[in-house]
PDB file of N, CA and C in Angstrom:
ATOM      1  N   MET A   1       5.253-124.198  12.133  1.00  0.00           N
ATOM      2  CA  MET A   1       4.945-122.927  11.602  1.00  0.00           C
ATOM      3  C   MET A   1       3.214-122.917  10.986  1.00  0.00           C
ATOM      4  N   GLU A   2       2.862-122.479  11.176  1.00  0.00           N
ATOM      5  CA  GLU A   2       1.462-121.946  10.812  1.00  0.00           C
ATOM      6  C   GLU A   2       0.847-121.048  10.315  1.00  0.00           C
ATOM      7  N   ILE A   3       0.856-119.834   9.545  1.00  0.00           N
ATOM      8  CA  ILE A   3       0.492-118.906   9.233  1.00  0.00           C
ATOM      9  C   ILE A   3      -1.038-118.675   8.878  1.00  0.00           C
ATOM     10  N   TYR A   4      -1.537-117.466   9.599  1.00  0.00           N
ATOM     11  CA  TYR A   4      -2.995-117.153   9.175  1.00  0.00           C
ATOM     12  C   TYR A   4      -3.264-115.909   9.272  1.00  0.00           C
ATOM     13  N   TYR A   5      -4.067-115.616   8.099  1.00  0.00           N
ATOM     14  CA  TYR A   5      -4.076-113.968   7.632  1.00  0.00           C
ATOM     15  C   TYR A   5      -5.240-113.516   7.591  1.00  0.00           C
ATOM     16  N   SER A   6      -5.631-112.431   7.495  1.00  0.00           N
ATOM     17  CA  SER A   6      -7.198-111.561   7.350  1.00  0.00           C
ATOM     18  C   SER A   6      -6.650-110.491   6.516  1.00  0.00           C
ATOM     19  N   ASN A   7      -7.616-110.227   5.347  1.00  0.00           N
ATOM     20  CA  ASN A   7      -6.933-109.076   4.471  1.00  0.00           C
ATOM     21  C   ASN A   7      -8.361-108.085   4.311  1.00  0.00           C
ATOM     22  N   LYS A   8      -8.651-106.978   5.238  1.00  0.00           N
ATOM     23  CA  LYS A   8      -9.841-106.094   5.179  1.00  0.00           C
ATOM     24  C   LYS A   8      -8.962-104.490   4.986  1.00  0.00           C
ATOM     25  N   ASN A   9      -9.354-104.381   4.300  1.00  0.00           N
ATOM     26  CA  ASN A   9      -9.449-102.418   3.370  1.00  0.00           C
ATOM     27  C   ASN A   9      -7.985-102.437   3.037  1.00  0.00           C
ATOM     28  N   PHE A  10      -7.556-103.104   2.443  1.00  0.00           N
ATOM     29  CA  PHE A  10      -5.896-103.165   1.940  1.00  0.00           C
ATOM     30  C   PHE A  10      -4.965-103.074   3.277  1.00  0.00           C
ATOM     31  N   LYS A  11      -5.356-103.920   4.755  1.00  0.00           N
ATOM     32  CA  LYS A  11      -4.704-104.104   5.864  1.00  0.00           C
ATOM     33  C   LYS A  11      -4.324-105.735   5.535  1.00  0.00           C
ATOM     34  N   ILE A  12      -3.498-106.305   5.614  1.00  0.00           N
ATOM     35  CA  ILE A  12      -3.196-107.560   5.821  1.00  0.00           C
ATOM     36  C   ILE A  12      -2.643-107.671   7.335  1.00  0.00           C
ATOM     37  N   THR A  13      -3.487-108.882   8.081  1.00  0.00           N
ATOM     38  CA  THR A  13      -2.752-109.156   9.530  1.00  0.00           C
ATOM     39  C   THR A  13      -2.537-110.396   9.705  1.00  0.00           C
ATOM     40  N   PHE A  14      -1.183-111.011   9.877  1.00  0.00           N
ATOM     41  CA  PHE A  14      -0.447-112.416   9.681  1.00  0.00           C
ATOM     42  C   PHE A  14      -0.463-112.699  11.303  1.00  0.00           C
ATOM     43  N   ASN A  15      -1.262-113.989  11.515  1.00  0.00           N
ATOM     44  CA  ASN A  15      -0.758-114.607  12.582  1.00  0.00           C
ATOM     45  C   ASN A  15       0.025-115.624  12.274  1.00  0.00           C
ATOM     46  N   LEU A  16       0.844-115.749  13.115  1.00  0.00           N
ATOM     47  CA  LEU A  16       2.275-116.793  12.976  1.00  0.00           C
ATOM     48  C   LEU A  16       2.296-117.694  14.535  1.00  0.00           C
ATOM     49  N   VAL A  17       2.168-119.137  13.998  1.00  0.00           N
ATOM     50  CA  VAL A  17       2.065-120.014  15.428  1.00  0.00           C
ATOM     51  C   VAL A  17       3.010-120.516  15.226  1.00  0.00           C
ATOM     52  N   GLY A  18       4.095-120.822  16.060  1.00  0.00           N
ATOM     53  CA  GLY A  18       4.497-121.589  16.391  1.00  0.00           C
ATOM     54  C   GLY A  18       6.280-121.209  16.640  1.00  0.00           C
ATOM     55  N   GLU A  19       7.221-122.155  16.152  1.00  0.00           N
ATOM     56  CA  GLU A  19       8.332-121.213  15.955  1.00  0.00           C
ATOM     57  C   GLU A  19       8.791-120.797  14.430  1.00  0.00           C
ATOM     58  N   LEU A  20       9.641-119.694  14.534  1.00  0.00           N
ATOM     59  CA  LEU A  20       9.869-119.075  13.535  1.00  0.00           C
ATOM     60  C   LEU A  20      11.552-119.418  13.356  1.00  0.00           C
ATOM     61  N   ASP A  21      12.109-120.342  12.894  1.00  0.00           N
ATOM     62  CA  ASP A  21      13.507-120.376  13.026  1.00  0.00           C
ATOM     63  C   ASP A  21      14.098-120.926  11.422  1.00  0.00           C
ATOM     64  N   GLU A  22      15.140-121.214  11.029  1.00  0.00           N
ATOM     65  CA  GLU A  22      15.874-121.232  10.157  1.00  0.00           C
ATOM     66  C   GLU A  22      15.556-122.810   9.365  1.00  0.00           C
ATOM     67  N   PHE A  23      14.761-123.480  10.062  1.00  0.00           N
ATOM     68  CA  PHE A  23      14.006-124.890   9.342  1.00  0.00           C
ATOM     69  C   PHE A  23      12.714-124.563   8.937  1.00  0.00           C
ATOM     70  N   CYS A  24      12.100-123.346   8.731  1.00  0.00           N
ATOM     71  CA  CYS A  24      11.479-122.981   8.194  1.00  0.00           C
ATOM     72  C   CYS A  24      11.124-122.028   7.710  1.00  0.00           C
ATOM     73  N   ALA A  25      12.284-121.150   7.873  1.00  0.00           N
ATOM     74  CA  ALA A  25      12.164-119.827   7.074  1.00  0.00           C
ATOM     75  C   ALA A  25      11.653-119.622   5.388  1.00  0.00           C
ATOM     76  N   GLU A  26      12.484-120.655   5.199  1.00  0.00           N
ATOM     77  CA  GLU A  26      12.084-120.382   3.603  1.00  0.00           C
ATOM     78  C   GLU A  26      10.982-120.803   3.387  1.00  0.00           C
ATOM     79  N   GLU A  27       9.854-121.577   3.818  1.00  0.00           N
ATOM     80  CA  GLU A  27       8.638-121.868   3.526  1.00  0.00           C
ATOM     81  C   GLU A  27       7.969-120.428   4.138  1.00  0.00           C
ATOM     82  N   VAL A  28       7.867-119.880   5.234  1.00  0.00           N
ATOM     83  CA  VAL A  28       7.717-119.009   5.702  1.00  0.00           C
ATOM     84  C   VAL A  28       7.538-117.584   5.212  1.00  0.00           C
ATOM     85  N   LYS A  29       8.868-117.331   4.169  1.00  0.00           N
ATOM     86  CA  LYS A  29       9.345-116.585   3.488  1.00  0.00           C
ATOM     87  C   LYS A  29       8.471-116.482   2.105  1.00  0.00           C
ATOM     88  N   ASN A  30       8.496-117.781   1.739  1.00  0.00           N
ATOM     89  CA  ASN A  30       7.618-117.556   0.086  1.00  0.00           C
ATOM     90  C   ASN A  30       6.218-117.617   0.628  1.00  0.00           C
ATOM     91  N   ALA A  31       5.930-118.118   1.625  1.00  0.00           N
ATOM     92  CA  ALA A  31       4.146-118.005   1.682  1.00  0.00           C
ATOM     93  C   ALA A  31       3.915-116.729   1.902  1.00  0.00           C
ATOM     94  N   LEU A  32       4.396-116.058   2.829  1.00  0.00           N
ATOM     95  CA  LEU A  32       4.228-114.404   3.266  1.00  0.00           C
ATOM     96  C   LEU A  32       4.482-113.288   1.952  1.00  0.00           C
ATOM     97  N   ASP A  33       5.697-113.891   1.129  1.00  0.00           N
ATOM     98  CA  ASP A  33       5.825-112.841  -0.074  1.00  0.00           C
ATOM     99  C   ASP A  33       4.587-113.275  -1.290  1.00  0.00           C
ATOM    100  N   LYS A  34       4.362-114.653  -1.076  1.00  0.00           N
ATOM    101  CA  LYS A  34       2.777-115.001  -2.656  1.00  0.00           C
ATOM    102  C   LYS A  34       1.627-114.032  -1.802  1.00  0.00           C
ATOM    103  N   ILE A  35       1.312-113.910  -0.545  1.00  0.00           N
ATOM    104  CA  ILE A  35       0.354-113.131  -0.061  1.00  0.00           C
ATOM    105  C   ILE A  35       0.006-112.031   0.026  1.00  0.00           C
ATOM    106  N   ILE A  36       1.687-111.238  -0.342  1.00  0.00           N
ATOM    107  CA  ILE A  36       1.760-109.921  -0.172  1.00  0.00           C
ATOM    108  C   ILE A  36       1.700-109.284  -1.411  1.00  0.00           C
ATOM    109  N   THR A  37       2.146-110.100  -2.571  1.00  0.00           N
ATOM    110  CA  THR A  37       2.104-109.828  -3.708  1.00  0.00           C
ATOM    111  C   THR A  37       0.663-109.943  -4.426  1.00  0.00           C
ATOM    112  N   ASP A  38       0.086-111.215  -3.756  1.00  0.00           N
ATOM    113  CA  ASP A  38      -1.532-111.321  -3.877  1.00  0.00           C
ATOM    114  C   ASP A  38      -2.127-110.305  -3.819  1.00  0.00           C
ATOM    115  N   ASN A  39      -1.751-109.868  -3.023  1.00  0.00           N
ATOM    116  CA  ASN A  39      -3.273-108.744  -2.375  1.00  0.00           C
ATOM    117  C   ASN A  39      -2.680-107.022  -2.386  1.00  0.00           C
ATOM    118  N   LYS A  40      -1.270-106.722  -2.098  1.00  0.00           N
ATOM    119  CA  LYS A  40      -1.244-105.592  -2.681  1.00  0.00           C
ATOM    120  C   LYS A  40      -1.396-104.614  -1.301  1.00  0.00           C
ATOM    121  N   PRO A  41      -0.756-105.022  -0.128  1.00  0.00           N
ATOM    122  CA  PRO A  41      -1.515-103.957   0.791  1.00  0.00           C
ATOM    123  C   PRO A  41      -0.860-102.784   1.285  1.00  0.00           C
ATOM    124  N   GLN A  42      -1.633-102.215   2.151  1.00  0.00           N
ATOM    125  CA  GLN A  42      -1.457-100.755   2.028  1.00  0.00           C
ATOM    126  C   GLN A  42      -0.611-100.659   3.331  1.00  0.00           C
ATOM    127  N   GLU A  43      -1.005-101.864   4.280  1.00  0.00           N
ATOM    128  CA  GLU A  43      -0.451-101.740   5.690  1.00  0.00           C
ATOM    129  C   GLU A  43      -0.461-103.577   6.107  1.00  0.00           C
ATOM    130  N   ILE A  44       0.443-103.680   6.913  1.00  0.00           N
ATOM    131  CA  ILE A  44       0.851-105.282   7.084  1.00  0.00           C
ATOM    132  C   ILE A  44       1.070-105.054   8.573  1.00  0.00           C
ATOM    133  N   VAL A  45       0.429-106.001   9.539  1.00  0.00           N
ATOM    134  CA  VAL A  45       0.590-106.324  11.090  1.00  0.00           C
ATOM    135  C   VAL A  45       0.771-107.785  10.908  1.00  0.00           C
ATOM    136  N   PHE A  46       2.019-107.999  11.938  1.00  0.00           N
ATOM    137  CA  PHE A  46       2.566-108.662  12.268  1.00  0.00           C
ATOM    138  C   PHE A  46       1.806-109.406  13.771  1.00  0.00           C
ATOM    139  N   ASP A  47       1.006-110.259  14.074  1.00  0.00           N
ATOM    140  CA  ASP A  47       0.268-110.605  15.286  1.00  0.00           C
ATOM    141  C   ASP A  47       1.371-111.267  15.515  1.00  0.00           C
ATOM    142  N   LEU A  48       1.921-111.259  16.517  1.00  0.00           N
ATOM    143  CA  LEU A  48       3.079-112.771  17.097  1.00  0.00           C
ATOM    144  C   LEU A  48       2.598-113.432  18.299  1.00  0.00           C
ATOM    145  N   GLN A  49       1.334-113.206  18.898  1.00  0.00           N
ATOM    146  CA  GLN A  49       0.663-113.431  20.429  1.00  0.00           C
ATOM    147  C   GLN A  49       1.024-115.353  20.058  1.00  0.00           C
ATOM    148  N   ARG A  50       0.972-115.759  19.359  1.00  0.00           N
ATOM    149  CA  ARG A  50       1.091-117.503  19.325  1.00  0.00           C
ATOM    150  C   ARG A  50       2.629-117.543  18.487  1.00  0.00           C
ATOM    151  N   LEU A  51       3.395-116.837  18.581  1.00  0.00           N
ATOM    152  CA  LEU A  51       4.992-117.469  18.498  1.00  0.00           C
ATOM    153  C   LEU A  51       5.755-117.631  18.984  1.00  0.00           C
ATOM    154  N   THR A  52       6.280-118.643  19.403  1.00  0.00           N
ATOM    155  CA  THR A  52       6.895-119.191  20.582  1.00  0.00           C
ATOM    156  C   THR A  52       8.538-118.872  20.687  1.00  0.00           C
ATOM    157  N   PHE A  53       8.948-118.972  19.236  1.00  0.00           N
ATOM    158  CA  PHE A  53      10.446-119.110  19.332  1.00  0.00           C
ATOM    159  C   PHE A  53      10.768-118.520  17.818  1.00  0.00           C
ATOM    160  N   THR A  54      11.671-117.680  18.408  1.00  0.00           N
ATOM    161  CA  THR A  54      12.256-116.666  16.603  1.00  0.00           C
ATOM    162  C   THR A  54      14.008-116.903  17.116  1.00  0.00           C
ATOM    163  N   ASP A  55      14.655-116.804  16.310  1.00  0.00           N
ATOM    164  CA  ASP A  55      15.918-116.818  16.221  1.00  0.00           C
ATOM    165  C   ASP A  55      16.616-115.752  15.093  1.00  0.00           C
ATOM    166  N   SER A  56      17.731-115.232  15.406  1.00  0.00           N
ATOM    167  CA  SER A  56      17.956-114.575  13.785  1.00  0.00           C
ATOM    168  C   SER A  56      17.429-115.005  12.556  1.00  0.00           C
ATOM    169  N   THR A  57      17.641-115.975  12.370  1.00  0.00           N
ATOM    170  CA  THR A  57      16.614-116.040  11.045  1.00  0.00           C
ATOM    171  C   THR A  57      15.687-115.836  10.847  1.00  0.00           C
ATOM    172  N   GLY A  58      14.764-115.844  12.016  1.00  0.00           N
ATOM    173  CA  GLY A  58      13.450-115.395  11.826  1.00  0.00           C
ATOM    174  C   GLY A  58      13.323-113.956  11.789  1.00  0.00           C
ATOM    175  N   VAL A  59      14.184-113.485  12.229  1.00  0.00           N
ATOM    176  CA  VAL A  59      14.202-111.706  12.390  1.00  0.00           C
ATOM    177  C   VAL A  59      14.420-111.430  10.845  1.00  0.00           C
ATOM    178  N   GLY A  60      15.185-111.788  10.252  1.00  0.00           N
ATOM    179  CA  GLY A  60      15.767-111.891   9.048  1.00  0.00           C
ATOM    180  C   GLY A  60      14.355-112.411   7.997  1.00  0.00           C
ATOM    181  N   VAL A  61      13.959-112.873   8.073  1.00  0.00           N
ATOM    182  CA  VAL A  61      12.361-113.181   7.420  1.00  0.00           C
ATOM    183  C   VAL A  61      11.638-111.906   7.906  1.00  0.00           C
ATOM    184  N   LEU A  62      11.175-111.301   8.480  1.00  0.00           N
ATOM    185  CA  LEU A  62      10.558-110.580   8.679  1.00  0.00           C
ATOM    186  C   LEU A  62      11.033-108.817   8.296  1.00  0.00           C
ATOM    187  N   ILE A  63      12.696-108.908   8.711  1.00  0.00           N
ATOM    188  CA  ILE A  63      12.855-107.921   7.870  1.00  0.00           C
ATOM    189  C   ILE A  63      12.860-107.787   6.440  1.00  0.00           C
ATOM    190  N   GLY A  64      13.502-109.084   5.886  1.00  0.00           N
ATOM    191  CA  GLY A  64      13.319-108.872   4.490  1.00  0.00           C
ATOM    192  C   GLY A  64      11.637-108.824   3.992  1.00  0.00           C
ATOM    193  N   ARG A  65      10.793-109.363   4.952  1.00  0.00           N
ATOM    194  CA  ARG A  65       9.321-108.710   4.239  1.00  0.00           C
ATOM    195  C   ARG A  65       9.135-107.253   4.183  1.00  0.00           C
ATOM    196  N   TYR A  66       9.854-106.556   5.292  1.00  0.00           N
ATOM    197  CA  TYR A  66       9.506-105.414   5.344  1.00  0.00           C
ATOM    198  C   TYR A  66       9.978-104.549   4.261  1.00  0.00           C
ATOM    199  N   LYS A  67      11.586-104.954   3.799  1.00  0.00           N
ATOM    200  CA  LYS A  67      11.755-104.688   2.726  1.00  0.00           C
ATOM    201  C   LYS A  67      10.961-104.490   1.260  1.00  0.00           C
ATOM    202  N   THR A  68      10.408-105.946   1.050  1.00  0.00           N
ATOM    203  CA  THR A  68       9.565-105.621  -0.114  1.00  0.00           C
ATOM    204  C   THR A  68       8.109-105.385   0.317  1.00  0.00           C
ATOM    205  N   ALA A  69       7.928-104.686   1.441  1.00  0.00           N
ATOM    206  CA  ALA A  69       6.488-104.043   1.992  1.00  0.00           C
ATOM    207  C   ALA A  69       6.878-102.766   1.424  1.00  0.00           C
ATOM    208  N   LYS A  70       7.915-102.196   1.444  1.00  0.00           N
ATOM    209  CA  LYS A  70       8.608-100.412   1.834  1.00  0.00           C
ATOM    210  C   LYS A  70       8.446-100.042   0.240  1.00  0.00           C
ATOM    211  N   LYS A  71       8.938-101.482  -0.655  1.00  0.00           N
ATOM    212  CA  LYS A  71       9.356-101.045  -2.071  1.00  0.00           C
ATOM    213  C   LYS A  71       7.735-100.145  -2.734  1.00  0.00           C
ATOM    214  N   THR A  72       6.760-100.717  -2.140  1.00  0.00           N
ATOM    215  CA  THR A  72       5.489-100.441  -2.712  1.00  0.00           C
ATOM    216  C   THR A  72       4.977 -99.416  -2.089  1.00  0.00           C
ATOM    217  N   GLY A  73       5.440 -98.977  -0.555  1.00  0.00           N
ATOM    218  CA  GLY A  73       5.080 -98.151  -0.032  1.00  0.00           C
ATOM    219  C   GLY A  73       4.351 -98.341   1.565  1.00  0.00           C
ATOM    220  N   CYS A  74       4.115 -99.467   1.648  1.00  0.00           N
ATOM    221  CA  CYS A  74       3.056-100.491   2.915  1.00  0.00           C
ATOM    222  C   CYS A  74       3.724-100.136   4.140  1.00  0.00           C
ATOM    223  N   LYS A  75       3.123 -99.508   5.079  1.00  0.00           N
ATOM    224  CA  LYS A  75       3.593 -99.761   6.265  1.00  0.00           C
ATOM    225  C   LYS A  75       3.697-100.910   7.198  1.00  0.00           C
ATOM    226  N   VAL A  76       4.426-101.099   7.945  1.00  0.00           N
ATOM    227  CA  VAL A  76       4.400-102.202   8.356  1.00  0.00           C
ATOM    228  C   VAL A  76       4.736-102.010   9.902  1.00  0.00           C
ATOM    229  N   PHE A  77       3.730-102.923  10.651  1.00  0.00           N
ATOM    230  CA  PHE A  77       3.863-103.187  12.679  1.00  0.00           C
ATOM    231  C   PHE A  77       4.030-104.247  13.104  1.00  0.00           C
ATOM    232  N   ILE A  78       4.273-104.320  14.082  1.00  0.00           N
ATOM    233  CA  ILE A  78       4.536-105.432  14.871  1.00  0.00           C
ATOM    234  C   ILE A  78       3.292-106.019  15.993  1.00  0.00           C
ATOM    235  N   THR A  79       2.771-106.387  16.796  1.00  0.00           N
ATOM    236  CA  THR A  79       1.785-106.755  17.924  1.00  0.00           C
ATOM    237  C   THR A  79       1.583-107.697  18.560  1.00  0.00           C
ATOM    238  N   ASN A  80       1.346-107.847  19.789  1.00  0.00           N
ATOM    239  CA  ASN A  80       1.093-108.456  20.758  1.00  0.00           C
ATOM    240  C   ASN A  80       2.573-110.006  20.939  1.00  0.00           C
ATOM    241  N   VAL A  81       3.457-109.410  21.094  1.00  0.00           N
ATOM    242  CA  VAL A  81       4.826-110.291  21.098  1.00  0.00           C
ATOM    243  C   VAL A  81       4.926-110.546  22.302  1.00  0.00           C
ATOM    244  N   SER A  82       5.404-111.733  22.689  1.00  0.00           N
ATOM    245  CA  SER A  82       5.437-112.661  24.027  1.00  0.00           C
ATOM    246  C   SER A  82       6.922-111.784  24.380  1.00  0.00           C
ATOM    247  N   ARG A  83       7.133-112.026  25.763  1.00  0.00           N
ATOM    248  CA  ARG A  83       8.564-111.294  26.529  1.00  0.00           C
ATOM    249  C   ARG A  83       9.628-112.007  25.595  1.00  0.00           C
ATOM    250  N   ALA A  84      10.022-113.224  25.769  1.00  0.00           N
ATOM    251  CA  ALA A  84      10.996-113.750  24.950  1.00  0.00           C
ATOM    252  C   ALA A  84      11.384-113.086  23.554  1.00  0.00           C
ATOM    253  N   VAL A  85      10.221-113.333  22.771  1.00  0.00           N
ATOM    254  CA  VAL A  85      10.656-112.496  21.427  1.00  0.00           C
ATOM    255  C   VAL A  85      10.701-111.344  21.069  1.00  0.00           C
ATOM    256  N   ASP A  86      10.010-110.548  22.265  1.00  0.00           N
ATOM    257  CA  ASP A  86      10.370-109.132  22.756  1.00  0.00           C
ATOM    258  C   ASP A  86      11.670-108.511  22.522  1.00  0.00           C
ATOM    259  N   LYS A  87      12.584-109.485  23.520  1.00  0.00           N
ATOM    260  CA  LYS A  87      13.954-109.461  23.455  1.00  0.00           C
ATOM    261  C   LYS A  87      14.731-109.776  22.905  1.00  0.00           C
ATOM    262  N   ILE A  88      14.421-110.679  21.805  1.00  0.00           N
ATOM    263  CA  ILE A  88      15.504-110.487  20.253  1.00  0.00           C
ATOM    264  C   ILE A  88      14.963-109.449  19.309  1.00  0.00           C
ATOM    265  N   PHE A  89      13.625-109.150  19.374  1.00  0.00           N
ATOM    266  CA  PHE A  89      13.249-108.176  18.513  1.00  0.00           C
ATOM    267  C   PHE A  89      14.241-106.843  18.689  1.00  0.00           C
ATOM    268  N   SER A  90      13.847-106.516  20.326  1.00  0.00           N
ATOM    269  CA  SER A  90      14.999-105.105  21.013  1.00  0.00           C
ATOM    270  C   SER A  90      16.345-105.328  20.761  1.00  0.00           C
ATOM    271  N   MET A  91      16.803-106.539  20.856  1.00  0.00           N
ATOM    272  CA  MET A  91      18.151-106.836  20.740  1.00  0.00           C
ATOM    273  C   MET A  91      19.024-106.297  19.501  1.00  0.00           C
ATOM    274  N   ALA A  92      17.817-106.708  18.347  1.00  0.00           N
ATOM    275  CA  ALA A  92      18.394-106.531  16.738  1.00  0.00           C
ATOM    276  C   ALA A  92      17.745-105.314  16.405  1.00  0.00           C
ATOM    277  N   GLY A  93      17.106-104.708  17.461  1.00  0.00           N
ATOM    278  CA  GLY A  93      16.693-103.177  16.733  1.00  0.00           C
ATOM    279  C   GLY A  93      15.705-103.363  15.919  1.00  0.00           C
ATOM    280  N   LEU A  94      14.522-104.600  15.740  1.00  0.00           N
ATOM    281  CA  LEU A  94      13.285-104.496  15.054  1.00  0.00           C
ATOM    282  C   LEU A  94      12.560-103.269  14.643  1.00  0.00           C
ATOM    283  N   TYR A  95      12.310-102.862  16.063  1.00  0.00           N
ATOM    284  CA  TYR A  95      10.954-101.877  16.631  1.00  0.00           C
ATOM    285  C   TYR A  95      11.621-100.400  15.579  1.00  0.00           C
ATOM    286  N   THR A  96      13.008-100.240  15.594  1.00  0.00           N
ATOM    287  CA  THR A  96      13.195 -99.327  14.657  1.00  0.00           C
ATOM    288  C   THR A  96      12.777 -99.017  13.065  1.00  0.00           C
ATOM    289  N   ILE A  97      12.597 -99.916  12.502  1.00  0.00           N
ATOM    290  CA  ILE A  97      12.037-100.055  11.675  1.00  0.00           C
ATOM    291  C   ILE A  97      10.485-100.240  11.136  1.00  0.00           C
ATOM    292  N   MET A  98      10.125-101.619  12.442  1.00  0.00           N
ATOM    293  CA  MET A  98       8.631-102.084  12.392  1.00  0.00           C
ATOM    294  C   MET A  98       7.961-101.546  13.789  1.00  0.00           C
ATOM    295  N   PRO A  99       7.729-100.785  13.892  1.00  0.00           N
ATOM    296  CA  PRO A  99       7.138-100.393  15.134  1.00  0.00           C
ATOM    297  C   PRO A  99       6.486-100.931  15.925  1.00  0.00           C
ATOM    298  N   LYS A 100       5.931-101.065  17.201  1.00  0.00           N
ATOM    299  CA  LYS A 100       5.347-102.438  17.746  1.00  0.00           C
ATOM    300  C   LYS A 100       3.973-101.504  18.100  1.00  0.00           C
ATOM    301  N   ILE A 101       2.630-101.995  17.991  1.00  0.00           N
ATOM    302  CA  ILE A 101       1.197-101.225  18.167  1.00  0.00           C
ATOM    303  C   ILE A 101       0.560-102.393  19.404  1.00  0.00           C
ATOM    304  N   SER A 102      -0.533-101.734  19.877  1.00  0.00           N
ATOM    305  CA  SER A 102      -1.153-102.279  20.938  1.00  0.00           C
ATOM    306  C   SER A 102      -2.550-102.508  20.412  1.00  0.00           C
TER     307      SER A 102
END
């Protein structure tokens, strides 16, 4: 799993590349938390165009980051989701808390 991000005008866009599963979840969680804490964004967008797989652990990582962000009033969105990942997110109800944007 690779994480790239940009920070412009208090908006962080995270690009997650690879597989987000139980094997990398802790490392990804820690990396995202550090970036969020250091930058204090008002908006976060998870661009998942290159996320090839996730499981329930990966969904948990994103929900945890959402909870962290919400404490400071930060809005969180998801974009560019593959069909396979979209199906998992839809079943998990993730879009009810983190809307999908285009």
